[in-house]
C-alpha atoms as a PDB file:
ATOM      1  CA  UNK A   1      42.809   6.969  -3.627  1.00  0.00           C
ATOM      2  CA  UNK A   2      40.992   4.136  -5.371  1.00  0.00           C
ATOM      3  CA  UNK A   3      37.760   5.063  -3.599  1.00  0.00           C
ATOM      4  CA  UNK A   4      38.016   8.735  -4.592  1.00  0.00           C
ATOM      5  CA  UNK A   5      38.983   7.736  -8.119  1.00  0.00           C
ATOM      6  CA  UNK A   6      35.864   5.612  -8.387  1.00  0.00           C
ATOM      7  CA  UNK A   7      33.717   8.493  -7.066  1.00  0.00           C
ATOM      8  CA  UNK A   8      35.153  10.900  -9.636  1.00  0.00           C
ATOM      9  CA  UNK A   9      34.562   8.374 -12.395  1.00  0.00           C
ATOM     10  CA  UNK A  10      30.969   7.897 -11.236  1.00  0.00           C
ATOM     11  CA  UNK A  11      30.393  11.664 -11.140  1.00  0.00           C
ATOM     12  CA  UNK A  12      31.706  11.945 -14.695  1.00  0.00           C
ATOM     13  CA  UNK A  13      29.335   9.178 -15.801  1.00  0.00           C
ATOM     14  CA  UNK A  14      26.361  10.898 -14.108  1.00  0.00           C
ATOM     15  CA  UNK A  15      27.146  14.257 -15.714  1.00  0.00           C
ATOM     16  CA  UNK A  16      27.493  12.541 -19.072  1.00  0.00           C
ATOM     17  CA  UNK A  17      24.108  10.888 -18.581  1.00  0.00           C
ATOM     18  CA  UNK A  18      22.403  14.205 -17.740  1.00  0.00           C
ATOM     19  CA  UNK A  19      23.940  15.940 -20.741  1.00  0.00           C
ATOM     20  CA  UNK A  20      22.919  13.129 -23.117  1.00  0.00           C
ATOM     21  CA  UNK A  21      19.371  13.119 -21.761  1.00  0.00           C
ATOM     22  CA  UNK A  22      19.078  16.897 -22.142  1.00  0.00           C
ATOM     23  CA  UNK A  23      20.430  16.666 -25.699  1.00  0.00           C
ATOM     24  CA  UNK A  24      17.956  13.890 -26.479  1.00  0.00           C
ATOM     25  CA  UNK A  25      15.054  16.024 -25.189  1.00  0.00           C
ATOM     26  CA  UNK A  26      16.019  18.790 -27.600  1.00  0.00           C
ATOM     27  CA  UNK A  27      17.017  16.713 -30.649  1.00  0.00           C
ATOM     28  CA  UNK A  28      14.378  13.967 -30.478  1.00  0.00           C
ATOM     29  CA  UNK A  29      11.389  14.849 -28.235  1.00  0.00           C
ATOM     30  CA  UNK A  30       9.498  11.674 -29.209  1.00  0.00           C
ATOM     31  CA  UNK A  31      12.397   9.420 -28.235  1.00  0.00           C
ATOM     32  CA  UNK A  32      12.853  11.387 -25.030  1.00  0.00           C
ATOM     33  CA  UNK A  33       9.173  10.936 -24.169  1.00  0.00           C
ATOM     34  CA  UNK A  34       9.435   7.190 -24.786  1.00  0.00           C
ATOM     35  CA  UNK A  35      12.496   6.904 -22.577  1.00  0.00           C
ATOM     36  CA  UNK A  36      10.801   8.798 -19.728  1.00  0.00           C
ATOM     37  CA  UNK A  37       7.568   6.868 -20.305  1.00  0.00           C
ATOM     38  CA  UNK A  38       9.334   3.528 -20.025  1.00  0.00           C
ATOM     39  CA  UNK A  39      10.785   4.350 -16.620  1.00  0.00           C
ATOM     40  CA  UNK A  40       7.554   5.930 -15.412  1.00  0.00           C
ATOM     41  CA  UNK A  41       5.753   2.728 -16.377  1.00  0.00           C
ATOM     42  CA  UNK A  42       8.218   0.613 -14.425  1.00  0.00           C
ATOM     43  CA  UNK A  43       7.621   2.724 -11.331  1.00  0.00           C
ATOM     44  CA  UNK A  44       3.836   2.864 -11.664  1.00  0.00           C
ATOM     45  CA  UNK A  45       3.142  -0.317  -9.733  1.00  0.00           C
ATOM     46  CA  UNK A  46       5.353   0.794  -6.870  1.00  0.00           C
ATOM     47  CA  UNK A  47       3.796   4.270  -6.792  1.00  0.00           C
ATOM     48  CA  UNK A  48       0.170   3.090  -6.864  1.00  0.00           C
ATOM     49  CA  UNK A  49      -1.673   3.917  -3.602  1.00  0.00           C
ATOM     50  CA  UNK A  50      -3.208   1.215  -1.386  1.00  0.00           C
ATOM     51  CA  UNK A  51      -6.817   0.201  -2.095  1.00  0.00           C
ATOM     52  CA  UNK A  52      -9.426  -1.063   0.414  1.00  0.00           C
ATOM     53  CA  UNK A  53     -10.184  -4.791   0.149  1.00  0.00           C
ATOM     54  CA  UNK A  54     -12.321  -5.645   3.184  1.00  0.00           C
ATOM     55  CA  UNK A  55     -12.908  -4.471   6.735  1.00  0.00           C
ATOM     56  CA  UNK A  56     -13.181  -6.753   9.740  1.00  0.00           C
ATOM     57  CA  UNK A  57     -14.574  -5.902  13.156  1.00  0.00           C
ATOM     58  CA  UNK A  58     -13.298  -7.369  16.393  1.00  0.00           C
ATOM     59  CA  UNK A  59     -12.671  -6.072  19.919  1.00  0.00           C
ATOM     60  CA  UNK A  60      -9.697  -4.960  22.003  1.00  0.00           C
ATOM     61  CA  UNK A  61      -9.991  -6.636  25.413  1.00  0.00           C
ATOM     62  CA  UNK A  62      -6.891  -5.257  27.109  1.00  0.00           C
ATOM     63  CA  UNK A  63      -5.631  -2.729  28.195  1.00  0.00           C
ATOM     64  CA  UNK A  64      -8.911  -0.935  27.409  1.00  0.00           C
ATOM     65  CA  UNK A  65     -11.978  -2.663  26.021  1.00  0.00           C
ATOM     66  CA  UNK A  66     -13.274  -1.140  22.799  1.00  0.00           C
ATOM     67  CA  UNK A  67     -14.320  -2.034  19.244  1.00  0.00           C
ATOM     68  CA  UNK A  68     -11.515  -2.392  16.696  1.00  0.00           C
ATOM     69  CA  UNK A  69     -11.852  -2.131  12.919  1.00  0.00           C
ATOM     70  CA  UNK A  70      -9.024  -3.522  10.788  1.00  0.00           C
ATOM     71  CA  UNK A  71      -8.937  -2.377   7.159  1.00  0.00           C
ATOM     72  CA  UNK A  72      -7.386  -5.123   5.030  1.00  0.00           C
ATOM     73  CA  UNK A  73      -5.943  -3.360   1.993  1.00  0.00           C
ATOM     74  CA  UNK A  74      -4.428  -4.309  -1.346  1.00  0.00           C
ATOM     75  CA  UNK A  75      -1.117  -2.579  -2.088  1.00  0.00           C
ATOM     76  CA  UNK A  76       1.132  -3.409  -5.025  1.00  0.00           C
ATOM     77  CA  UNK A  77       4.044  -1.890  -3.110  1.00  0.00           C
ATOM     78  CA  UNK A  78       3.902  -4.965  -0.861  1.00  0.00           C
ATOM     79  CA  UNK A  79       5.492  -7.975  -2.536  1.00  0.00           C
ATOM     80  CA  UNK A  80       4.224 -11.550  -2.469  1.00  0.00           C
ATOM     81  CA  UNK A  81       6.445 -14.203  -0.858  1.00  0.00           C
ATOM     82  CA  UNK A  82       8.545 -16.111  -3.431  1.00  0.00           C
ATOM     83  CA  UNK A  83       7.422 -19.509  -2.102  1.00  0.00           C
ATOM     84  CA  UNK A  84       5.223 -21.230   0.489  1.00  0.00           C
ATOM     85  CA  UNK A  85       8.200 -21.473   2.823  1.00  0.00           C
ATOM     86  CA  UNK A  86       8.716 -17.717   2.976  1.00  0.00           C
ATOM     87  CA  UNK A  87       6.893 -15.331   5.325  1.00  0.00           C
ATOM     88  CA  UNK A  88       4.039 -13.210   3.994  1.00  0.00           C
ATOM     89  CA  UNK A  89       5.082  -9.538   3.768  1.00  0.00           C
ATOM     90  CA  UNK A  90       2.613  -6.996   5.115  1.00  0.00           C
ATOM     91  CA  UNK A  91       2.493  -3.255   5.635  1.00  0.00           C
ATOM     92  CA  UNK A  92       0.883  -1.865   8.784  1.00  0.00           C
ATOM     93  CA  UNK A  93      -0.534   1.581   9.461  1.00  0.00           C
ATOM     94  CA  UNK A  94      -0.992   3.407  12.739  1.00  0.00           C
ATOM     95  CA  UNK A  95      -3.667   2.662  15.352  1.00  0.00           C
ATOM     96  CA  UNK A  96      -6.136   5.561  15.471  1.00  0.00           C
ATOM     97  CA  UNK A  97      -8.942   6.228  17.943  1.00  0.00           C
ATOM     98  CA  UNK A  98     -12.472   6.824  16.655  1.00  0.00           C
ATOM     99  CA  UNK A  99     -15.662   7.969  18.331  1.00  0.00           C
ATOM    100  CA  UNK A 100     -16.971   4.388  18.098  1.00  0.00           C
ATOM    101  CA  UNK A 101     -13.732   2.478  18.761  1.00  0.00           C
ATOM    102  CA  UNK A 102     -10.376   2.283  17.005  1.00  0.00           C
ATOM    103  CA  UNK A 103      -9.092   1.561  13.502  1.00  0.00           C
ATOM    104  CA  UNK A 104      -5.846   0.342  11.938  1.00  0.00           C
ATOM    105  CA  UNK A 105      -4.754  -0.732   8.474  1.00  0.00           C
ATOM    106  CA  UNK A 106      -2.976  -3.847   7.205  1.00  0.00           C
ATOM    107  CA  UNK A 107      -1.903  -4.150   3.542  1.00  0.00           C
ATOM    108  CA  UNK A 108      -1.046  -7.314   1.608  1.00  0.00           C
ATOM    109  CA  UNK A 109       0.124  -7.941  -1.938  1.00  0.00           C
ATOM    110  CA  UNK A 110      -2.742  -7.953  -4.496  1.00  0.00           C
ATOM    111  CA  UNK A 111      -1.616 -11.456  -5.532  1.00  0.00           C
ATOM    112  CA  UNK A 112      -1.953 -12.760  -1.980  1.00  0.00           C
ATOM    113  CA  UNK A 113      -5.445 -11.292  -1.572  1.00  0.00           C
ATOM    114  CA  UNK A 114      -6.551 -12.531  -4.989  1.00  0.00           C
ATOM    115  CA  UNK A 115      -5.642 -16.082  -4.087  1.00  0.00           C
ATOM    116  CA  UNK A 116      -7.322 -15.782  -0.692  1.00  0.00           C
ATOM    117  CA  UNK A 117     -10.584 -14.767  -2.399  1.00  0.00           C
ATOM    118  CA  UNK A 118     -10.762 -18.265  -3.887  1.00  0.00           C
ATOM    119  CA  UNK A 119     -10.047 -20.056  -0.596  1.00  0.00           C
ATOM    120  CA  UNK A 120     -11.948 -19.221   2.628  1.00  0.00           C
ATOM    121  CA  UNK A 121      -9.257 -20.990   4.664  1.00  0.00           C
ATOM    122  CA  UNK A 122      -6.525 -18.749   3.282  1.00  0.00           C
ATOM    123  CA  UNK A 123      -8.713 -15.687   3.754  1.00  0.00           C
ATOM    124  CA  UNK A 124      -9.243 -16.576   7.413  1.00  0.00           C
ATOM    125  CA  UNK A 125      -5.501 -17.196   7.785  1.00  0.00           C
ATOM    126  CA  UNK A 126      -4.640 -13.733   6.474  1.00  0.00           C
ATOM    127  CA  UNK A 127      -7.149 -12.180   8.864  1.00  0.00           C
ATOM    128  CA  UNK A 128      -5.661 -14.130  11.778  1.00  0.00           C
ATOM    129  CA  UNK A 129      -2.165 -13.009  10.763  1.00  0.00           C
ATOM    130  CA  UNK A 130      -3.318  -9.401  10.699  1.00  0.00           C
ATOM    131  CA  UNK A 131      -4.906  -9.696  14.144  1.00  0.00           C
ATOM    132  CA  UNK A 132      -1.799 -11.359  15.565  1.00  0.00           C
ATOM    133  CA  UNK A 133       0.404  -8.628  14.139  1.00  0.00           C
ATOM    134  CA  UNK A 134      -1.794  -5.893  15.653  1.00  0.00           C
ATOM    135  CA  UNK A 135      -1.529  -7.604  19.043  1.00  0.00           C
ATOM    136  CA  UNK A 136       2.263  -7.798  18.853  1.00  0.00           C
ATOM    137  CA  UNK A 137       2.837  -4.300  17.445  1.00  0.00           C
ATOM    138  CA  UNK A 138       0.493  -2.389  19.743  1.00  0.00           C
ATOM    139  CA  UNK A 139       0.743  -4.629  22.828  1.00  0.00           C
ATOM    140  CA  UNK A 140      -2.998  -5.279  23.033  1.00  0.00           C
ATOM    141  CA  UNK A 141      -5.132  -8.364  23.533  1.00  0.00           C
ATOM    142  CA  UNK A 142      -7.813  -8.966  20.922  1.00  0.00           C
ATOM    143  CA  UNK A 143     -10.954 -11.052  20.999  1.00  0.00           C
ATOM    144  CA  UNK A 144     -10.413 -14.124  18.782  1.00  0.00           C
ATOM    145  CA  UNK A 145     -13.850 -13.741  17.238  1.00  0.00           C
ATOM    146  CA  UNK A 146     -14.405 -11.340  14.345  1.00  0.00           C
ATOM    147  CA  UNK A 147     -16.960 -10.497  11.702  1.00  0.00           C
ATOM    148  CA  UNK A 148     -16.714  -8.905   8.270  1.00  0.00           C
ATOM    149  CA  UNK A 149     -18.154  -5.404   8.175  1.00  0.00           C
ATOM    150  CA  UNK A 150     -20.741  -4.569   5.443  1.00  0.00           C
ATOM    151  CA  UNK A 151     -18.305  -1.929   4.106  1.00  0.00           C
ATOM    152  CA  UNK A 152     -14.763  -2.271   2.709  1.00  0.00           C
ATOM    153  CA  UNK A 153     -13.220   0.645   4.563  1.00  0.00           C
ATOM    154  CA  UNK A 154     -13.636   2.177   8.010  1.00  0.00           C
ATOM    155  CA  UNK A 155     -12.806   5.868   8.025  1.00  0.00           C
ATOM    156  CA  UNK A 156     -11.769   8.090   5.154  1.00  0.00           C
ATOM    157  CA  UNK A 157      -9.770   6.840   2.179  1.00  0.00           C
ATOM    158  CA  UNK A 158      -7.199   9.620   2.628  1.00  0.00           C
ATOM    159  CA  UNK A 159      -6.616   8.622   6.270  1.00  0.00           C
ATOM    160  CA  UNK A 160      -5.953   5.024   5.222  1.00  0.00           C
ATOM    161  CA  UNK A 161      -3.474   6.097   2.511  1.00  0.00           C
ATOM    162  CA  UNK A 162      -1.619   8.437   4.856  1.00  0.00           C
ATOM    163  CA  UNK A 163      -1.603   5.796   7.586  1.00  0.00           C
ATOM    164  CA  UNK A 164       0.101   3.226   5.374  1.00  0.00           C
ATOM    165  CA  UNK A 165       2.327   5.571   3.358  1.00  0.00           C
ATOM    166  CA  UNK A 166       3.549   7.385   6.462  1.00  0.00           C
ATOM    167  CA  UNK A 167       5.270   4.286   7.831  1.00  0.00           C
ATOM    168  CA  UNK A 168       8.222   2.614   6.161  1.00  0.00           C
ATOM    169  CA  UNK A 169       7.144  -0.865   5.084  1.00  0.00           C
ATOM    170  CA  UNK A 170       8.130  -2.398   1.727  1.00  0.00           C
ATOM    171  CA  UNK A 171      11.438  -4.232   1.343  1.00  0.00           C
ATOM    172  CA  UNK A 172      14.576  -2.421   0.349  1.00  0.00           C
ATOM    173  CA  UNK A 173      15.471  -3.348  -3.228  1.00  0.00           C
ATOM    174  CA  UNK A 174      18.785  -5.035  -3.873  1.00  0.00           C
ATOM    175  CA  UNK A 175      21.568  -2.472  -4.087  1.00  0.00           C
ATOM    176  CA  UNK A 176      23.132  -2.338  -7.511  1.00  0.00           C
ATOM    177  CA  UNK A 177      26.493  -0.985  -8.540  1.00  0.00           C
ATOM    178  CA  UNK A 178      25.762   2.717  -9.332  1.00  0.00           C
ATOM    179  CA  UNK A 179      28.291   2.598 -12.172  1.00  0.00           C
ATOM    180  CA  UNK A 180      26.464  -0.330 -13.804  1.00  0.00           C
ATOM    181  CA  UNK A 181      23.119   1.447 -13.483  1.00  0.00           C
ATOM    182  CA  UNK A 182      24.533   4.628 -15.044  1.00  0.00           C
ATOM    183  CA  UNK A 183      26.193   2.662 -17.852  1.00  0.00           C
ATOM    184  CA  UNK A 184      22.903   0.885 -18.552  1.00  0.00           C
ATOM    185  CA  UNK A 185      20.996   4.177 -18.836  1.00  0.00           C
ATOM    186  CA  UNK A 186      23.692   5.637 -21.071  1.00  0.00           C
ATOM    187  CA  UNK A 187      23.471   2.596 -23.345  1.00  0.00           C
ATOM    188  CA  UNK A 188      19.683   2.999 -23.566  1.00  0.00           C
ATOM    189  CA  UNK A 189      19.978   6.662 -24.563  1.00  0.00           C
ATOM    190  CA  UNK A 190      22.673   5.854 -27.130  1.00  0.00           C
ATOM    191  CA  UNK A 191      20.422   3.162 -28.612  1.00  0.00           C
ATOM    192  CA  UNK A 192      17.488   5.584 -28.777  1.00  0.00           C
ATOM    193  CA  UNK A 193      19.623   8.261 -30.433  1.00  0.00           C
ATOM    194  CA  UNK A 194      20.785   5.783 -33.102  1.00  0.00           C
ATOM    195  CA  UNK A 195      17.589   3.837 -33.739  1.00  0.00           C
ATOM    196  CA  UNK A 196      15.084   6.674 -33.303  1.00  0.00           C
ATOM    197  CA  UNK A 197      11.452   5.622 -32.816  1.00  0.00           C
ATOM    198  CA  UNK A 198      11.564   2.053 -34.167  1.00  0.00           C
ATOM    199  CA  UNK A 199      10.542   0.484 -30.883  1.00  0.00           C
ATOM    200  CA  UNK A 200       6.780   0.013 -30.550  1.00  0.00           C
ATOM    201  CA  UNK A 201       5.080   1.933 -27.820  1.00  0.00           C
ATOM    202  CA  UNK A 202       1.344   2.638 -28.003  1.00  0.00           C
ATOM    203  CA  UNK A 203       1.011   4.425 -24.658  1.00  0.00           C
ATOM    204  CA  UNK A 204       0.422   8.194 -24.546  1.00  0.00           C
ATOM    205  CA  UNK A 205       3.343  10.361 -23.315  1.00  0.00           C
ATOM    206  CA  UNK A 206       4.089   9.753 -19.657  1.00  0.00           C
ATOM    207  CA  UNK A 207       1.061   7.484 -19.404  1.00  0.00           C
ATOM    208  CA  UNK A 208       0.779   5.672 -16.083  1.00  0.00           C
ATOM    209  CA  UNK A 209      -0.282   2.053 -16.503  1.00  0.00           C
ATOM    210  CA  UNK A 210      -0.509  -0.987 -14.235  1.00  0.00           C
ATOM    211  CA  UNK A 211       1.764  -4.003 -14.490  1.00  0.00           C
ATOM    212  CA  UNK A 212       0.604  -7.602 -13.986  1.00  0.00           C
ATOM    213  CA  UNK A 213       0.322  -9.160 -10.564  1.00  0.00           C
ATOM    214  CA  UNK A 214       3.180 -11.293  -9.184  1.00  0.00           C
ATOM    215  CA  UNK A 215       2.864 -15.044  -8.772  1.00  0.00           C
ATOM    216  CA  UNK A 216       0.178 -16.090  -6.295  1.00  0.00           C
ATOM    217  CA  UNK A 217       1.461 -17.994  -3.278  1.00  0.00           C
ATOM    218  CA  UNK A 218       0.099 -19.506  -0.080  1.00  0.00           C
ATOM    219  CA  UNK A 219       0.657 -17.368   3.031  1.00  0.00           C
ATOM    220  CA  UNK A 220       2.651 -18.756   5.941  1.00  0.00           C
ATOM    221  CA  UNK A 221       4.243 -16.305   8.392  1.00  0.00           C
ATOM    222  CA  UNK A 222       4.250 -12.577   9.099  1.00  0.00           C
ATOM    223  CA  UNK A 223       6.961 -10.280   7.831  1.00  0.00           C
ATOM    224  CA  UNK A 224       6.914  -6.496   8.178  1.00  0.00           C
ATOM    225  CA  UNK A 225       8.734  -4.828   5.310  1.00  0.00           C
ATOM    226  CA  UNK A 226      10.409  -1.439   5.028  1.00  0.00           C
ATOM    227  CA  UNK A 227       9.583   1.383   2.605  1.00  0.00           C
ATOM    228  CA  UNK A 228      12.245   2.972   0.434  1.00  0.00           C
ATOM    229  CA  UNK A 229       9.853   5.439  -1.159  1.00  0.00           C
ATOM    230  CA  UNK A 230       8.843   7.516   1.888  1.00  0.00           C
ATOM    231  CA  UNK A 231      11.394  10.287   2.318  1.00  0.00           C
ATOM    232  CA  UNK A 232      12.057  12.923   4.955  1.00  0.00           C
ATOM    233  CA  UNK A 233       9.966  15.973   4.094  1.00  0.00           C
ATOM    234  CA  UNK A 234      11.459  18.494   6.518  1.00  0.00           C
ATOM    235  CA  UNK A 235      13.953  19.853   3.955  1.00  0.00           C
ATOM    236  CA  UNK A 236      11.429  19.909   1.107  1.00  0.00           C
ATOM    237  CA  UNK A 237       9.239  22.903   0.272  1.00  0.00           C
ATOM    238  CA  UNK A 238       6.102  23.263  -1.807  1.00  0.00           C
ATOM    239  CA  UNK A 239       6.947  24.911  -5.157  1.00  0.00           C
ATOM    240  CA  UNK A 240       4.914  27.747  -6.661  1.00  0.00           C
ATOM    241  CA  UNK A 241       2.167  26.252  -8.771  1.00  0.00           C
ATOM    242  CA  UNK A 242      -1.106  26.998 -10.527  1.00  0.00           C
ATOM    243  CA  UNK A 243      -3.885  24.469 -11.225  1.00  0.00           C
ATOM    244  CA  UNK A 244      -6.509  25.385 -13.812  1.00  0.00           C
ATOM    245  CA  UNK A 245      -9.674  23.497 -14.763  1.00  0.00           C
ATOM    246  CA  UNK A 246     -10.731  24.023 -18.394  1.00  0.00           C
ATOM    247  CA  UNK A 247     -14.447  23.479 -19.077  1.00  0.00           C
ATOM    248  CA  UNK A 248     -16.505  23.082 -22.233  1.00  0.00           C
ATOM    249  CA  UNK A 249     -19.470  25.247 -23.227  1.00  0.00           C
ATOM    250  CA  UNK A 250     -21.828  23.297 -20.997  1.00  0.00           C
ATOM    251  CA  UNK A 251     -19.594  23.859 -17.984  1.00  0.00           C
ATOM    252  CA  UNK A 252     -18.330  20.290 -17.795  1.00  0.00           C
ATOM    253  CA  UNK A 253     -14.601  19.914 -16.890  1.00  0.00           C
ATOM    254  CA  UNK A 254     -12.502  18.746 -19.845  1.00  0.00           C
ATOM    255  CA  UNK A 255      -8.856  19.294 -18.946  1.00  0.00           C
ATOM    256  CA  UNK A 256      -6.801  20.074 -15.858  1.00  0.00           C
ATOM    257  CA  UNK A 257      -3.522  21.953 -16.370  1.00  0.00           C
ATOM    258  CA  UNK A 258      -0.915  22.264 -13.642  1.00  0.00           C
ATOM    259  CA  UNK A 259       2.082  24.588 -13.972  1.00  0.00           C
ATOM    260  CA  UNK A 260       4.908  24.224 -11.436  1.00  0.00           C
ATOM    261  CA  UNK A 261       7.778  26.736 -11.136  1.00  0.00           C
ATOM    262  CA  UNK A 262      11.122  25.019 -10.462  1.00  0.00           C
ATOM    263  CA  UNK A 263      13.804  27.696 -10.312  1.00  0.00           C
ATOM    264  CA  UNK A 264      16.817  25.511  -9.489  1.00  0.00           C
ATOM    265  CA  UNK A 265      15.901  22.344 -11.416  1.00  0.00           C
ATOM    266  CA  UNK A 266      18.112  21.842 -14.459  1.00  0.00           C
ATOM    267  CA  UNK A 267      16.557  18.721 -15.955  1.00  0.00           C
ATOM    268  CA  UNK A 268      13.360  16.669 -16.003  1.00  0.00           C
ATOM    269  CA  UNK A 269      15.413  13.704 -14.791  1.00  0.00           C
ATOM    270  CA  UNK A 270      15.452  15.304 -11.325  1.00  0.00           C
ATOM    271  CA  UNK A 271      11.646  15.108 -11.081  1.00  0.00           C
ATOM    272  CA  UNK A 272       9.299  12.342  -9.906  1.00  0.00           C
ATOM    273  CA  UNK A 273       5.632  12.588 -10.909  1.00  0.00           C
ATOM    274  CA  UNK A 274       2.746  10.301  -9.978  1.00  0.00           C
ATOM    275  CA  UNK A 275      -0.889  10.951 -10.921  1.00  0.00           C
ATOM    276  CA  UNK A 276      -3.835   8.842  -9.753  1.00  0.00           C
ATOM    277  CA  UNK A 277      -7.546   9.330 -10.377  1.00  0.00           C
ATOM    278  CA  UNK A 278      -8.015  11.746  -7.495  1.00  0.00           C
ATOM    279  CA  UNK A 279      -4.606  13.094  -6.511  1.00  0.00           C
ATOM    280  CA  UNK A 280      -1.181  14.144  -7.784  1.00  0.00           C
ATOM    281  CA  UNK A 281       2.237  13.744  -6.180  1.00  0.00           C
ATOM    282  CA  UNK A 282       5.257  15.661  -7.507  1.00  0.00           C
ATOM    283  CA  UNK A 283       8.712  15.549  -5.956  1.00  0.00           C
ATOM    284  CA  UNK A 284      12.270  16.678  -6.542  1.00  0.00           C
ATOM    285  CA  UNK A 285      14.100  14.677  -3.838  1.00  0.00           C
ATOM    286  CA  UNK A 286      15.655  16.940  -1.237  1.00  0.00           C
ATOM    287  CA  UNK A 287      14.142  20.141  -2.684  1.00  0.00           C
ATOM    288  CA  UNK A 288      10.451  20.164  -3.610  1.00  0.00           C
ATOM    289  CA  UNK A 289       7.360  18.177  -2.695  1.00  0.00           C
ATOM    290  CA  UNK A 290       3.812  18.882  -3.876  1.00  0.00           C
ATOM    291  CA  UNK A 291       0.723  16.794  -3.082  1.00  0.00           C
ATOM    292  CA  UNK A 292      -2.621  17.906  -4.527  1.00  0.00           C
ATOM    293  CA  UNK A 293      -6.093  16.465  -4.119  1.00  0.00           C
ATOM    294  CA  UNK A 294      -7.523  17.059  -7.586  1.00  0.00           C
ATOM    295  CA  UNK A 295     -10.856  18.922  -7.744  1.00  0.00           C
ATOM    296  CA  UNK A 296     -11.957  16.699 -10.658  1.00  0.00           C
ATOM    297  CA  UNK A 297     -11.314  12.983 -11.237  1.00  0.00           C
ATOM    298  CA  UNK A 298      -8.854  12.430 -14.086  1.00  0.00           C
ATOM    299  CA  UNK A 299      -7.970   9.609 -16.456  1.00  0.00           C
ATOM    300  CA  UNK A 300      -4.546   8.442 -15.260  1.00  0.00           C
ATOM    301  CA  UNK A 301      -3.994   6.790 -18.656  1.00  0.00           C
ATOM    302  CA  UNK A 302      -4.075  10.212 -20.352  1.00  0.00           C
ATOM    303  CA  UNK A 303      -1.519  12.303 -18.519  1.00  0.00           C
ATOM    304  CA  UNK A 304       1.153  14.363 -20.286  1.00  0.00           C
ATOM    305  CA  UNK A 305       4.062  16.241 -18.728  1.00  0.00           C
ATOM    306  CA  UNK A 306       6.580  18.620 -20.301  1.00  0.00           C
ATOM    307  CA  UNK A 307       9.461  20.544 -18.706  1.00  0.00           C
ATOM    308  CA  UNK A 308      10.601  23.853 -20.196  1.00  0.00           C
ATOM    309  CA  UNK A 309      14.275  24.184 -19.277  1.00  0.00           C
ATOM    310  CA  UNK A 310      14.483  27.810 -20.380  1.00  0.00           C
ATOM    311  CA  UNK A 311      11.571  28.951 -18.173  1.00  0.00           C
ATOM    312  CA  UNK A 312      12.058  26.250 -15.489  1.00  0.00           C
ATOM    313  CA  UNK A 313       8.349  25.382 -15.640  1.00  0.00           C
ATOM    314  CA  UNK A 314       6.812  21.919 -15.559  1.00  0.00           C
ATOM    315  CA  UNK A 315       3.419  21.630 -17.273  1.00  0.00           C
ATOM    316  CA  UNK A 316       1.181  18.646 -16.486  1.00  0.00           C
ATOM    317  CA  UNK A 317      -1.932  18.133 -18.613  1.00  0.00           C
ATOM    318  CA  UNK A 318      -4.663  15.760 -17.362  1.00  0.00           C
ATOM    319  CA  UNK A 319      -7.907  14.688 -19.044  1.00  0.00           C
ATOM    320  CA  UNK A 320     -11.028  14.815 -16.866  1.00  0.00           C
ATOM    321  CA  UNK A 321     -12.950  11.575 -16.379  1.00  0.00           C
ATOM    322  CA  UNK A 322     -16.458  11.677 -17.801  1.00  0.00           C
ATOM    323  CA  UNK A 323     -18.726   9.383 -15.862  1.00  0.00           C
ATOM    324  CA  UNK A 324     -22.310   8.664 -17.007  1.00  0.00           C
ATOM    325  CA  UNK A 325     -24.762  11.255 -15.739  1.00  0.00           C
ATOM    326  CA  UNK A 326     -27.411   9.866 -13.416  1.00  0.00           C
ATOM    327  CA  UNK A 327     -30.771  11.569 -13.469  1.00  0.00           C
ATOM    328  CA  UNK A 328     -32.558  12.198 -10.208  1.00  0.00           C
ATOM    329  CA  UNK A 329     -35.552   9.887  -9.650  1.00  0.00           C
END
């Protein structure tokens, strides 16, 4: 009975949290935006996609001889080891065949790669660790010699992202008492409702910014970590949506507006939204999932989102990036 009593108490706390957040959205939109913005900011580093760092070329000797490209990537979702004595976490993608060989992807923490840039010995060590991991994971024998390719990435950027994000890698976070987490969120909303907008916050609504890098450390061993962000997509469907590009008089894109219909979503707290320069990911866990490659590059620092509970429509407004125009020679 104690277990069921605790579950009922937790359910009451969760319902109370939802009701308070909905009331806050209606009574104090600015405070609601700041609350959502704060938690979006905390998740930005984890949600950021992997970025190419360098590409090395070596050769698979056995079971079939062919050229192998290994994309070494920087991914903030991969943590740095807490000390020199701890193994170096890495995230590995799949091994794909190409017309001119094969390619795979290995991601390290940005802090680890930043330190390796200053030390050729550490850089070589990370490369050796990546090669050793590929040998062990895919049961192949690699040539010990390698060279750095003149490009940072072999293959398409989208392939690399899907390769890494499609495999569970980063460490599971420490499990917290759900009741404590709910109580903490309730306290935050109560504080916002009482104090209003006194807390400083200069970011635009639901602005996605980047946090600082973790402490740099010297790599030692290999550790493959597990993702908690990749979810099963079989039960999720793509919601009805409309993406419009608004242009100025000269025909240059100014704003992108996305409207998503969410019939059975009662609150914005059920939604996860991540916008990068060239793509958008929206998800309601267990119900909806929408991934769009944006037709125009956008400024991820100037993204606004608003959910209309009456119409069950989420509106995302994105500002187009204006890069300098280059004249033809």
